[in-house]
N, C-alpha and C. Protein backbone atom coordinates (compact mmCIF):
# COMPACT_ATOMS: atom_id res chain seq x y z
N MET A 1 95.77 93.60 80.06
CA MET A 1 94.59 93.79 80.91
C MET A 1 95.05 94.00 82.35
N PRO A 2 94.58 95.07 83.01
CA PRO A 2 95.04 95.34 84.36
C PRO A 2 94.56 94.28 85.34
N LEU A 3 95.36 94.03 86.37
CA LEU A 3 94.97 93.07 87.39
C LEU A 3 93.88 93.65 88.26
N SER A 4 92.95 92.79 88.73
CA SER A 4 91.94 93.27 89.66
C SER A 4 92.61 93.56 91.00
N HIS A 5 91.95 94.40 91.81
CA HIS A 5 92.58 94.79 93.07
C HIS A 5 92.65 93.65 94.07
N SER A 6 92.00 92.50 93.76
CA SER A 6 92.10 91.34 94.64
C SER A 6 93.15 90.33 94.18
N ALA A 7 93.83 90.65 93.07
CA ALA A 7 94.82 89.73 92.52
C ALA A 7 96.10 89.71 93.36
N ILE A 8 96.86 88.63 93.22
CA ILE A 8 98.14 88.49 93.92
C ILE A 8 99.23 88.30 92.88
N LYS A 9 100.28 89.09 93.00
CA LYS A 9 101.41 89.03 92.07
C LYS A 9 102.61 88.44 92.80
N SER A 10 103.19 87.37 92.24
CA SER A 10 104.38 86.74 92.81
C SER A 10 105.59 87.12 91.97
N PHE A 11 106.65 87.58 92.61
CA PHE A 11 107.82 88.06 91.87
C PHE A 11 109.04 88.13 92.79
N PHE A 12 110.14 88.58 92.26
CA PHE A 12 111.35 88.82 93.05
C PHE A 12 111.71 90.29 92.94
N LEU A 13 112.09 90.88 94.06
CA LEU A 13 112.62 92.25 94.04
C LEU A 13 114.10 92.19 94.39
N GLU A 14 114.84 93.17 93.92
CA GLU A 14 116.29 93.17 94.14
C GLU A 14 116.62 93.66 95.55
N GLY A 15 117.32 92.81 96.31
CA GLY A 15 117.75 93.19 97.64
C GLY A 15 119.26 93.33 97.69
N PRO A 16 119.80 93.82 98.80
CA PRO A 16 121.24 94.04 98.92
C PRO A 16 122.07 92.76 98.93
N ALA A 17 121.43 91.61 99.24
CA ALA A 17 122.15 90.33 99.24
C ALA A 17 121.66 89.43 98.13
N GLY A 18 120.98 90.02 97.14
CA GLY A 18 120.40 89.24 96.05
C GLY A 18 118.90 89.37 96.03
N ARG A 19 118.26 88.61 95.17
CA ARG A 19 116.82 88.77 95.00
C ARG A 19 116.03 88.29 96.21
N LEU A 20 114.91 88.96 96.46
CA LEU A 20 114.03 88.64 97.58
C LEU A 20 112.68 88.19 97.05
N GLU A 21 112.27 87.02 97.49
CA GLU A 21 110.97 86.47 97.08
C GLU A 21 109.86 87.34 97.65
N ALA A 22 108.88 87.73 96.82
CA ALA A 22 107.87 88.68 97.27
C ALA A 22 106.49 88.34 96.73
N LEU A 23 105.49 88.84 97.44
CA LEU A 23 104.09 88.76 97.02
C LEU A 23 103.48 90.15 97.14
N LEU A 24 102.74 90.54 96.13
CA LEU A 24 102.01 91.80 96.18
C LEU A 24 100.53 91.52 96.06
N ASN A 25 99.76 91.91 97.06
CA ASN A 25 98.31 91.90 96.94
C ASN A 25 97.93 93.22 96.29
N VAL A 26 97.48 93.13 95.05
CA VAL A 26 97.23 94.31 94.24
C VAL A 26 96.09 95.13 94.85
N GLY A 27 96.26 96.45 94.89
CA GLY A 27 95.27 97.31 95.50
C GLY A 27 94.36 97.99 94.50
N SER A 28 93.54 98.89 95.02
CA SER A 28 92.62 99.66 94.19
C SER A 28 93.38 100.73 93.41
N PRO A 29 92.92 101.07 92.20
CA PRO A 29 93.56 102.15 91.43
C PRO A 29 93.48 103.50 92.15
N THR A 30 92.54 103.61 93.10
CA THR A 30 92.38 104.87 93.83
C THR A 30 92.98 104.79 95.24
N ALA A 31 93.87 103.82 95.48
CA ALA A 31 94.48 103.65 96.81
C ALA A 31 95.17 104.93 97.27
N THR A 32 95.00 105.22 98.56
CA THR A 32 95.63 106.41 99.14
C THR A 32 96.99 106.09 99.76
N HIS A 33 97.25 104.82 100.06
CA HIS A 33 98.50 104.39 100.69
C HIS A 33 98.89 103.03 100.12
N ALA A 34 100.14 102.66 100.34
CA ALA A 34 100.63 101.31 100.08
C ALA A 34 101.06 100.71 101.42
N GLY A 35 101.10 99.39 101.49
CA GLY A 35 101.46 98.73 102.74
C GLY A 35 102.62 97.77 102.59
N LEU A 36 103.40 97.63 103.66
CA LEU A 36 104.48 96.65 103.74
C LEU A 36 104.32 95.89 105.03
N VAL A 37 104.35 94.55 104.95
CA VAL A 37 104.24 93.71 106.15
C VAL A 37 105.45 92.78 106.22
N CYS A 38 106.15 92.79 107.36
CA CYS A 38 107.38 92.00 107.53
C CYS A 38 107.18 90.85 108.51
N HIS A 39 107.77 89.72 108.18
CA HIS A 39 107.49 88.45 108.89
C HIS A 39 108.40 88.22 110.10
N PRO A 40 108.02 87.24 110.94
CA PRO A 40 108.79 86.94 112.16
C PRO A 40 110.10 86.20 111.87
N HIS A 41 110.78 85.83 112.94
CA HIS A 41 112.16 85.34 112.84
C HIS A 41 112.29 84.11 111.93
N PRO A 42 113.15 84.19 110.91
CA PRO A 42 113.34 83.06 109.99
C PRO A 42 113.82 81.80 110.69
N LEU A 43 114.64 81.93 111.71
CA LEU A 43 115.18 80.75 112.38
C LEU A 43 114.12 80.06 113.24
N GLY A 44 112.99 80.74 113.44
CA GLY A 44 111.87 80.13 114.14
C GLY A 44 110.79 79.68 113.18
N GLY A 45 111.12 79.66 111.90
CA GLY A 45 110.16 79.23 110.89
C GLY A 45 109.34 80.36 110.29
N GLY A 46 109.70 81.60 110.59
CA GLY A 46 108.94 82.73 110.09
C GLY A 46 109.12 82.96 108.59
N THR A 47 108.02 83.16 107.89
CA THR A 47 108.04 83.50 106.46
C THR A 47 106.90 84.49 106.19
N MET A 48 106.84 84.97 104.95
CA MET A 48 105.79 85.91 104.57
C MET A 48 104.41 85.24 104.54
N HIS A 49 104.35 83.91 104.71
CA HIS A 49 103.08 83.19 104.73
C HIS A 49 102.56 82.98 106.15
N ASN A 50 103.25 83.52 107.14
CA ASN A 50 102.84 83.40 108.54
C ASN A 50 101.40 83.93 108.71
N LYS A 51 100.63 83.30 109.61
CA LYS A 51 99.22 83.66 109.78
C LYS A 51 99.04 85.10 110.24
N VAL A 52 99.89 85.56 111.16
CA VAL A 52 99.76 86.94 111.63
C VAL A 52 100.06 87.92 110.50
N VAL A 53 101.10 87.63 109.72
CA VAL A 53 101.45 88.46 108.56
C VAL A 53 100.28 88.49 107.57
N PHE A 54 99.68 87.33 107.33
CA PHE A 54 98.56 87.26 106.39
C PHE A 54 97.39 88.12 106.86
N HIS A 55 97.04 88.02 108.14
CA HIS A 55 95.92 88.80 108.65
C HIS A 55 96.24 90.29 108.68
N ALA A 56 97.47 90.64 108.94
CA ALA A 56 97.86 92.06 108.87
C ALA A 56 97.73 92.57 107.45
N MET A 57 98.15 91.76 106.49
CA MET A 57 97.98 92.13 105.08
C MET A 57 96.51 92.36 104.77
N LYS A 58 95.63 91.45 105.24
CA LYS A 58 94.21 91.57 104.96
C LYS A 58 93.64 92.85 105.56
N ALA A 59 94.14 93.24 106.73
CA ALA A 59 93.67 94.48 107.35
C ALA A 59 94.01 95.69 106.48
N LEU A 60 95.23 95.75 105.98
CA LEU A 60 95.62 96.87 105.11
C LEU A 60 94.89 96.81 103.78
N HIS A 61 94.76 95.60 103.25
CA HIS A 61 94.14 95.43 101.93
C HIS A 61 92.65 95.77 101.97
N SER A 62 92.04 95.71 103.15
CA SER A 62 90.61 96.04 103.26
C SER A 62 90.35 97.50 102.93
N PHE A 63 91.39 98.33 102.98
CA PHE A 63 91.27 99.74 102.62
C PHE A 63 91.55 99.97 101.13
N GLY A 64 91.85 98.89 100.42
CA GLY A 64 92.19 99.01 99.01
C GLY A 64 93.66 99.27 98.75
N PHE A 65 94.49 99.19 99.80
CA PHE A 65 95.91 99.45 99.63
C PHE A 65 96.59 98.27 98.92
N PRO A 66 97.53 98.53 98.02
CA PRO A 66 98.42 97.45 97.58
C PRO A 66 99.34 97.09 98.76
N VAL A 67 99.53 95.79 98.99
CA VAL A 67 100.31 95.37 100.17
C VAL A 67 101.40 94.40 99.74
N LEU A 68 102.63 94.74 100.10
CA LEU A 68 103.79 93.92 99.78
C LEU A 68 104.22 93.10 100.98
N ARG A 69 104.47 91.82 100.73
CA ARG A 69 105.14 90.94 101.69
C ARG A 69 106.37 90.36 101.00
N PHE A 70 107.39 90.04 101.76
CA PHE A 70 108.57 89.42 101.16
C PHE A 70 109.26 88.53 102.18
N ASN A 71 110.08 87.61 101.71
CA ASN A 71 110.89 86.79 102.59
C ASN A 71 112.26 87.42 102.78
N PHE A 72 112.66 87.54 104.04
CA PHE A 72 113.99 88.06 104.33
C PHE A 72 115.07 87.18 103.69
N ARG A 73 116.25 87.73 103.56
CA ARG A 73 117.39 87.01 102.99
C ARG A 73 117.54 85.62 103.62
N GLY A 74 117.78 84.63 102.78
CA GLY A 74 117.98 83.27 103.26
C GLY A 74 116.71 82.54 103.64
N THR A 75 115.55 83.15 103.41
CA THR A 75 114.27 82.54 103.76
C THR A 75 113.51 82.20 102.48
N GLY A 76 112.92 81.01 102.42
CA GLY A 76 112.20 80.61 101.22
C GLY A 76 113.12 80.63 100.01
N LEU A 77 112.71 81.33 98.97
CA LEU A 77 113.51 81.42 97.75
C LEU A 77 114.38 82.68 97.71
N SER A 78 114.43 83.43 98.80
CA SER A 78 115.26 84.63 98.83
C SER A 78 116.73 84.28 98.94
N ALA A 79 117.55 85.03 98.23
CA ALA A 79 119.00 84.81 98.22
C ALA A 79 119.63 85.26 99.54
N GLY A 80 120.88 84.88 99.74
CA GLY A 80 121.63 85.33 100.90
C GLY A 80 121.48 84.43 102.10
N ARG A 81 122.01 84.90 103.22
CA ARG A 81 121.97 84.15 104.47
C ARG A 81 121.46 85.06 105.58
N HIS A 82 120.82 84.43 106.57
CA HIS A 82 120.33 85.18 107.73
C HIS A 82 121.49 85.96 108.36
N ASP A 83 121.22 87.22 108.74
CA ASP A 83 122.29 88.10 109.22
C ASP A 83 122.01 88.65 110.61
N GLU A 84 121.26 87.90 111.41
CA GLU A 84 121.00 88.27 112.81
C GLU A 84 120.36 89.65 112.96
N GLY A 85 119.63 90.08 111.94
CA GLY A 85 118.91 91.34 112.02
C GLY A 85 119.63 92.54 111.44
N ARG A 86 120.93 92.38 111.16
CA ARG A 86 121.69 93.53 110.64
C ARG A 86 121.34 93.79 109.17
N GLY A 87 121.64 92.82 108.31
CA GLY A 87 121.34 92.98 106.90
C GLY A 87 119.85 93.03 106.61
N GLU A 88 119.05 92.47 107.52
CA GLU A 88 117.61 92.46 107.30
C GLU A 88 117.01 93.86 107.30
N VAL A 89 117.63 94.79 108.01
CA VAL A 89 117.17 96.18 107.96
C VAL A 89 117.30 96.71 106.53
N ALA A 90 118.40 96.36 105.87
CA ALA A 90 118.59 96.76 104.48
C ALA A 90 117.60 96.07 103.54
N ASP A 91 117.19 94.84 103.88
CA ASP A 91 116.16 94.17 103.10
C ASP A 91 114.86 94.97 103.14
N VAL A 92 114.51 95.45 104.33
CA VAL A 92 113.29 96.26 104.48
C VAL A 92 113.41 97.56 103.68
N GLN A 93 114.59 98.16 103.72
CA GLN A 93 114.80 99.39 102.94
C GLN A 93 114.61 99.13 101.45
N ALA A 94 115.07 97.97 100.98
CA ALA A 94 114.89 97.63 99.57
C ALA A 94 113.41 97.45 99.23
N ALA A 95 112.66 96.83 100.14
CA ALA A 95 111.23 96.65 99.92
C ALA A 95 110.49 97.99 99.92
N LEU A 96 110.87 98.87 100.82
CA LEU A 96 110.28 100.21 100.84
C LEU A 96 110.59 100.94 99.53
N GLY A 97 111.82 100.81 99.07
CA GLY A 97 112.20 101.45 97.81
C GLY A 97 111.40 100.93 96.63
N TRP A 98 111.12 99.62 96.62
CA TRP A 98 110.33 99.05 95.53
C TRP A 98 108.92 99.63 95.54
N LEU A 99 108.33 99.73 96.74
CA LEU A 99 106.98 100.29 96.85
C LEU A 99 106.93 101.73 96.37
N LYS A 100 107.94 102.51 96.73
CA LYS A 100 107.98 103.92 96.30
C LYS A 100 108.06 104.02 94.79
N ASP A 101 108.93 103.22 94.20
CA ASP A 101 109.10 103.26 92.74
C ASP A 101 107.83 102.82 92.03
N GLU A 102 107.13 101.85 92.60
CA GLU A 102 105.97 101.26 91.95
C GLU A 102 104.71 102.12 92.09
N PHE A 103 104.54 102.75 93.26
CA PHE A 103 103.25 103.40 93.54
C PHE A 103 103.32 104.89 93.87
N SER A 104 104.45 105.37 94.35
CA SER A 104 104.57 106.79 94.75
C SER A 104 103.46 107.18 95.72
N LEU A 105 103.21 106.33 96.70
CA LEU A 105 102.19 106.58 97.72
C LEU A 105 102.83 106.55 99.11
N PRO A 106 102.24 107.25 100.07
CA PRO A 106 102.71 107.09 101.45
C PRO A 106 102.52 105.64 101.89
N ILE A 107 103.41 105.17 102.75
CA ILE A 107 103.45 103.75 103.10
C ILE A 107 103.07 103.52 104.57
N ILE A 108 102.26 102.48 104.79
CA ILE A 108 101.96 102.00 106.13
C ILE A 108 102.84 100.79 106.38
N PHE A 109 103.67 100.84 107.42
CA PHE A 109 104.54 99.71 107.74
C PHE A 109 103.93 98.87 108.86
N VAL A 110 103.97 97.55 108.67
CA VAL A 110 103.56 96.61 109.72
C VAL A 110 104.66 95.55 109.86
N GLY A 111 105.07 95.30 111.08
CA GLY A 111 106.03 94.23 111.33
C GLY A 111 105.55 93.35 112.45
N PHE A 112 105.78 92.06 112.32
CA PHE A 112 105.43 91.11 113.38
C PHE A 112 106.69 90.53 113.98
N SER A 113 106.86 90.68 115.29
CA SER A 113 107.96 90.09 116.04
C SER A 113 109.31 90.55 115.48
N PHE A 114 110.15 89.64 115.02
CA PHE A 114 111.43 90.01 114.41
C PHE A 114 111.23 91.02 113.28
N GLY A 115 110.16 90.86 112.51
CA GLY A 115 109.86 91.79 111.43
C GLY A 115 109.63 93.20 111.93
N ALA A 116 109.07 93.32 113.14
CA ALA A 116 108.90 94.65 113.75
C ALA A 116 110.24 95.18 114.25
N ALA A 117 111.01 94.32 114.91
CA ALA A 117 112.28 94.77 115.50
C ALA A 117 113.23 95.33 114.45
N VAL A 118 113.33 94.66 113.30
CA VAL A 118 114.25 95.16 112.26
C VAL A 118 113.56 96.16 111.35
N GLY A 119 112.26 95.95 111.08
CA GLY A 119 111.56 96.81 110.14
C GLY A 119 111.36 98.22 110.65
N LEU A 120 111.09 98.37 111.94
CA LEU A 120 110.91 99.71 112.50
C LEU A 120 112.17 100.55 112.33
N ARG A 121 113.33 99.90 112.37
CA ARG A 121 114.59 100.64 112.21
C ARG A 121 114.71 101.25 110.82
N ALA A 122 114.16 100.55 109.83
CA ALA A 122 114.19 101.07 108.47
C ALA A 122 113.06 102.05 108.22
N ALA A 123 111.89 101.76 108.79
CA ALA A 123 110.69 102.54 108.48
C ALA A 123 110.61 103.85 109.24
N CYS A 124 111.07 103.88 110.48
CA CYS A 124 110.95 105.12 111.28
C CYS A 124 111.58 106.33 110.61
N PRO A 125 112.83 106.24 110.13
CA PRO A 125 113.45 107.43 109.53
C PRO A 125 113.05 107.69 108.09
N ASP A 126 112.28 106.80 107.48
CA ASP A 126 111.94 106.94 106.07
C ASP A 126 110.82 107.98 105.90
N PRO A 127 111.06 109.07 105.18
CA PRO A 127 110.05 110.13 105.07
C PRO A 127 108.78 109.71 104.35
N ASP A 128 108.84 108.61 103.60
CA ASP A 128 107.66 108.16 102.86
C ASP A 128 106.79 107.19 103.64
N VAL A 129 107.22 106.83 104.85
CA VAL A 129 106.40 105.97 105.72
C VAL A 129 105.60 106.89 106.64
N SER A 130 104.28 106.74 106.60
CA SER A 130 103.44 107.69 107.33
C SER A 130 102.92 107.14 108.65
N ALA A 131 102.89 105.81 108.83
CA ALA A 131 102.41 105.22 110.07
C ALA A 131 103.04 103.86 110.27
N LEU A 132 103.14 103.43 111.53
CA LEU A 132 103.87 102.22 111.90
C LEU A 132 103.03 101.36 112.83
N ILE A 133 103.01 100.06 112.54
CA ILE A 133 102.27 99.11 113.38
C ILE A 133 103.21 97.97 113.76
N SER A 134 103.35 97.76 115.06
CA SER A 134 104.25 96.72 115.57
C SER A 134 103.41 95.66 116.28
N LEU A 135 103.44 94.44 115.77
CA LEU A 135 102.67 93.34 116.31
C LEU A 135 103.58 92.38 117.07
N GLY A 136 103.18 92.01 118.27
CA GLY A 136 104.01 91.08 119.04
C GLY A 136 105.42 91.59 119.19
N THR A 137 105.54 92.85 119.57
CA THR A 137 106.86 93.49 119.70
C THR A 137 107.75 92.65 120.61
N PRO A 138 108.88 92.15 120.11
CA PRO A 138 109.72 91.28 120.93
C PRO A 138 110.67 92.09 121.82
N VAL A 139 110.51 91.95 123.10
CA VAL A 139 111.39 92.65 124.03
C VAL A 139 112.50 91.72 124.50
N GLU A 140 112.16 90.45 124.62
CA GLU A 140 113.16 89.45 125.01
C GLU A 140 112.72 88.09 124.48
N GLY A 141 113.69 87.24 124.21
CA GLY A 141 113.35 85.90 123.75
C GLY A 141 114.53 85.19 123.13
N ASP A 142 114.64 83.90 123.43
CA ASP A 142 115.71 83.07 122.87
C ASP A 142 117.10 83.67 123.09
N GLY A 143 117.27 84.32 124.23
CA GLY A 143 118.58 84.89 124.53
C GLY A 143 118.84 86.22 123.86
N ARG A 144 117.89 86.71 123.05
CA ARG A 144 118.07 87.99 122.35
C ARG A 144 117.35 89.09 123.11
N LEU A 145 118.01 90.19 123.32
CA LEU A 145 117.38 91.37 123.91
C LEU A 145 117.30 92.43 122.82
N TYR A 146 116.11 92.98 122.61
CA TYR A 146 115.92 93.96 121.56
C TYR A 146 115.86 95.36 122.16
N SER A 147 116.56 96.30 121.54
CA SER A 147 116.54 97.69 121.98
C SER A 147 115.69 98.50 121.02
N PHE A 148 114.83 99.32 121.60
CA PHE A 148 113.97 100.19 120.77
C PHE A 148 114.18 101.66 121.13
N LEU A 149 115.40 101.99 121.55
CA LEU A 149 115.69 103.36 121.95
C LEU A 149 115.48 104.34 120.80
N PHE A 150 115.66 103.86 119.57
CA PHE A 150 115.50 104.74 118.41
C PHE A 150 114.07 105.27 118.29
N LEU A 151 113.12 104.61 118.95
CA LEU A 151 111.74 105.07 118.90
C LEU A 151 111.54 106.40 119.63
N GLN A 152 112.51 106.78 120.44
CA GLN A 152 112.43 108.07 121.12
C GLN A 152 112.42 109.23 120.14
N GLU A 153 112.98 108.99 118.94
CA GLU A 153 113.05 110.04 117.92
C GLU A 153 112.00 109.86 116.83
N CYS A 154 111.15 108.86 116.96
CA CYS A 154 110.18 108.51 115.91
C CYS A 154 108.82 109.12 116.22
N THR A 155 108.51 110.25 115.58
CA THR A 155 107.29 110.99 115.91
C THR A 155 106.10 110.64 115.00
N LYS A 156 106.22 109.58 114.24
CA LYS A 156 105.10 109.13 113.40
C LYS A 156 104.08 108.38 114.26
N PRO A 157 102.81 108.33 113.82
CA PRO A 157 101.82 107.54 114.56
C PRO A 157 102.25 106.08 114.65
N LYS A 158 102.16 105.53 115.87
CA LYS A 158 102.62 104.16 116.11
C LYS A 158 101.56 103.38 116.89
N LEU A 159 101.28 102.18 116.41
CA LEU A 159 100.38 101.27 117.12
C LEU A 159 101.16 100.02 117.51
N PHE A 160 101.07 99.65 118.78
CA PHE A 160 101.68 98.42 119.28
C PHE A 160 100.54 97.50 119.73
N VAL A 161 100.51 96.29 119.17
CA VAL A 161 99.48 95.32 119.53
C VAL A 161 100.17 94.03 119.97
N SER A 162 99.81 93.56 121.16
CA SER A 162 100.40 92.30 121.65
C SER A 162 99.34 91.47 122.36
N GLY A 163 99.57 90.16 122.39
CA GLY A 163 98.72 89.28 123.17
C GLY A 163 98.96 89.52 124.65
N ASP A 164 97.93 89.31 125.46
CA ASP A 164 98.08 89.63 126.89
C ASP A 164 98.91 88.61 127.65
N HIS A 165 99.29 87.51 126.99
CA HIS A 165 100.30 86.63 127.59
C HIS A 165 101.35 86.26 126.53
N ASP A 166 101.89 87.30 125.92
CA ASP A 166 102.96 87.16 124.93
C ASP A 166 104.25 86.78 125.64
N GLN A 167 104.78 85.62 125.32
CA GLN A 167 105.97 85.11 126.01
C GLN A 167 107.24 85.89 125.67
N TYR A 168 107.22 86.65 124.57
CA TYR A 168 108.40 87.42 124.17
C TYR A 168 108.26 88.92 124.44
N GLY A 169 107.10 89.31 124.95
CA GLY A 169 106.88 90.72 125.26
C GLY A 169 106.08 90.88 126.54
N PRO A 170 106.69 90.56 127.70
CA PRO A 170 105.98 90.69 128.97
C PRO A 170 105.42 92.10 129.15
N HIS A 171 104.27 92.18 129.80
CA HIS A 171 103.56 93.45 129.95
C HIS A 171 104.46 94.60 130.38
N GLU A 172 105.12 94.43 131.51
CA GLU A 172 105.90 95.55 132.07
C GLU A 172 107.01 95.96 131.14
N ALA A 173 107.69 95.00 130.54
CA ALA A 173 108.81 95.31 129.64
C ALA A 173 108.32 96.05 128.40
N LEU A 174 107.19 95.60 127.84
CA LEU A 174 106.67 96.25 126.65
C LEU A 174 106.13 97.64 126.98
N GLU A 175 105.46 97.77 128.12
CA GLU A 175 104.95 99.08 128.52
C GLU A 175 106.10 100.08 128.68
N LYS A 176 107.24 99.61 129.16
CA LYS A 176 108.41 100.49 129.30
C LYS A 176 108.92 100.94 127.94
N VAL A 177 108.98 100.01 126.98
CA VAL A 177 109.40 100.34 125.62
C VAL A 177 108.50 101.41 125.02
N VAL A 178 107.20 101.20 125.15
CA VAL A 178 106.23 102.13 124.56
C VAL A 178 106.27 103.48 125.28
N ALA A 179 106.44 103.46 126.60
CA ALA A 179 106.50 104.71 127.36
C ALA A 179 107.65 105.59 126.90
N GLN A 180 108.75 104.96 126.50
CA GLN A 180 109.93 105.72 126.07
C GLN A 180 109.83 106.20 124.62
N ALA A 181 108.89 105.66 123.86
CA ALA A 181 108.74 106.04 122.46
C ALA A 181 108.08 107.42 122.36
N ALA A 182 108.43 108.13 121.29
CA ALA A 182 107.85 109.46 121.07
C ALA A 182 106.36 109.33 120.77
N ASP A 183 105.61 110.37 121.09
CA ASP A 183 104.21 110.45 120.69
C ASP A 183 104.13 110.78 119.20
N PRO A 184 102.99 110.47 118.54
CA PRO A 184 101.81 109.77 119.04
C PRO A 184 102.01 108.25 119.02
N LYS A 185 101.36 107.57 119.96
CA LYS A 185 101.53 106.13 120.08
C LYS A 185 100.33 105.55 120.80
N GLU A 186 100.10 104.27 120.58
CA GLU A 186 99.03 103.57 121.28
C GLU A 186 99.46 102.14 121.50
N LEU A 187 99.20 101.62 122.70
CA LEU A 187 99.51 100.23 123.04
C LEU A 187 98.21 99.52 123.36
N VAL A 188 97.96 98.41 122.65
CA VAL A 188 96.73 97.64 122.86
C VAL A 188 97.10 96.19 123.16
N PHE A 189 96.60 95.68 124.28
CA PHE A 189 96.73 94.26 124.59
C PHE A 189 95.39 93.58 124.26
N ILE A 190 95.47 92.48 123.54
CA ILE A 190 94.28 91.69 123.26
C ILE A 190 94.53 90.28 123.78
N PRO A 191 93.49 89.46 123.93
CA PRO A 191 93.72 88.09 124.41
C PRO A 191 94.66 87.34 123.47
N GLY A 192 95.45 86.45 124.05
CA GLY A 192 96.29 85.59 123.22
C GLY A 192 97.76 85.61 123.58
N ASP A 193 98.48 84.72 122.88
CA ASP A 193 99.92 84.61 123.09
C ASP A 193 100.66 85.43 122.04
N HIS A 194 101.93 85.15 121.86
CA HIS A 194 102.75 85.91 120.91
C HIS A 194 102.19 85.83 119.49
N PHE A 195 101.57 84.70 119.17
CA PHE A 195 101.06 84.48 117.81
C PHE A 195 99.57 84.78 117.69
N PHE A 196 98.98 85.40 118.73
CA PHE A 196 97.56 85.75 118.74
C PHE A 196 96.68 84.53 118.44
N GLU A 197 97.14 83.37 118.90
CA GLU A 197 96.42 82.12 118.62
C GLU A 197 94.98 82.21 119.09
N GLY A 198 94.05 81.98 118.16
CA GLY A 198 92.63 82.05 118.49
C GLY A 198 92.06 83.45 118.51
N HIS A 199 92.91 84.47 118.27
CA HIS A 199 92.46 85.86 118.38
C HIS A 199 92.95 86.72 117.21
N LEU A 200 93.19 86.07 116.08
CA LEU A 200 93.68 86.82 114.92
C LEU A 200 92.64 87.82 114.41
N ALA A 201 91.36 87.47 114.55
CA ALA A 201 90.31 88.39 114.10
C ALA A 201 90.33 89.68 114.92
N GLU A 202 90.54 89.56 116.23
CA GLU A 202 90.63 90.75 117.08
C GLU A 202 91.85 91.60 116.73
N MET A 203 92.95 90.93 116.45
CA MET A 203 94.16 91.66 116.04
C MET A 203 93.89 92.46 114.78
N ARG A 204 93.26 91.78 113.81
CA ARG A 204 92.97 92.45 112.54
C ARG A 204 92.03 93.63 112.73
N MET A 205 90.98 93.45 113.54
CA MET A 205 90.03 94.54 113.77
C MET A 205 90.68 95.71 114.50
N THR A 206 91.64 95.41 115.38
CA THR A 206 92.36 96.47 116.09
C THR A 206 93.16 97.32 115.11
N ILE A 207 93.82 96.66 114.17
CA ILE A 207 94.57 97.39 113.14
C ILE A 207 93.64 98.25 112.31
N GLU A 208 92.54 97.67 111.85
CA GLU A 208 91.61 98.40 110.98
C GLU A 208 91.01 99.61 111.69
N SER A 209 90.63 99.43 112.95
CA SER A 209 90.04 100.53 113.71
C SER A 209 91.04 101.67 113.89
N TRP A 210 92.28 101.32 114.20
CA TRP A 210 93.31 102.35 114.39
C TRP A 210 93.58 103.10 113.09
N LEU A 211 93.65 102.37 111.99
CA LEU A 211 93.90 103.02 110.71
C LEU A 211 92.76 103.96 110.32
N HIS A 212 91.52 103.56 110.58
CA HIS A 212 90.38 104.45 110.32
C HIS A 212 90.56 105.77 111.06
N GLU A 213 91.01 105.67 112.31
CA GLU A 213 91.16 106.86 113.15
C GLU A 213 92.35 107.71 112.72
N VAL A 214 93.47 107.05 112.48
CA VAL A 214 94.71 107.80 112.18
C VAL A 214 94.69 108.40 110.78
N LEU A 215 94.17 107.65 109.83
CA LEU A 215 94.21 108.10 108.44
C LEU A 215 92.94 108.85 108.02
N ARG A 216 91.92 108.80 108.87
CA ARG A 216 90.65 109.49 108.57
C ARG A 216 90.09 109.05 107.23
N ILE A 217 90.08 107.74 107.03
CA ILE A 217 89.53 107.20 105.79
C ILE A 217 88.44 106.20 106.12
N GLY A 218 87.63 105.91 105.15
CA GLY A 218 86.57 104.94 105.35
C GLY A 218 85.43 105.52 106.14
N ASN A 219 84.63 104.62 106.74
CA ASN A 219 83.41 105.04 107.43
C ASN A 219 83.72 105.58 108.83
């Protein structure tokens, strides 16, 4: 018996450092896209169950898309060890590959914080990824400086959403990152901190509104 489009499937997918713990929110049989959402920094407690990740999943799933979340290597029940963002790019590539094999649909990528920093590197050059959403884009934090120069070559539609007092993405620094990125792109500041505390509904609505416009689907 087929799963309903509201069902959740828990499983492991094969990653480059071993199996990766994953969750799939099953989509509609008539879905036009599939979604991938990547979680924040594991060393800061980030997992696929993070609130921002969950709300991003709900935004994509509202369109009937199947949406995949997974734990990076060394997180939760995923094999391997944290690799400071290097091997995690390959983890994202493995997740994208699983989605392609399973659904053969264009993919919407969403990453939050660390998940955006490493995930965009995998998703931008992937021909099967049609749009990119970066939440709480980390420009600086905990002694780490993130470079997004590769976005200069990324001509896919891009949405950047950050809290207006995000401690890891100061306004001017983030505006500079987005200014250097290739078109088309949009930067939206909403109330809140890095974790959109108290404003997750606005974050979700921002994603949904942008997807309606970019994908020309829904009402």
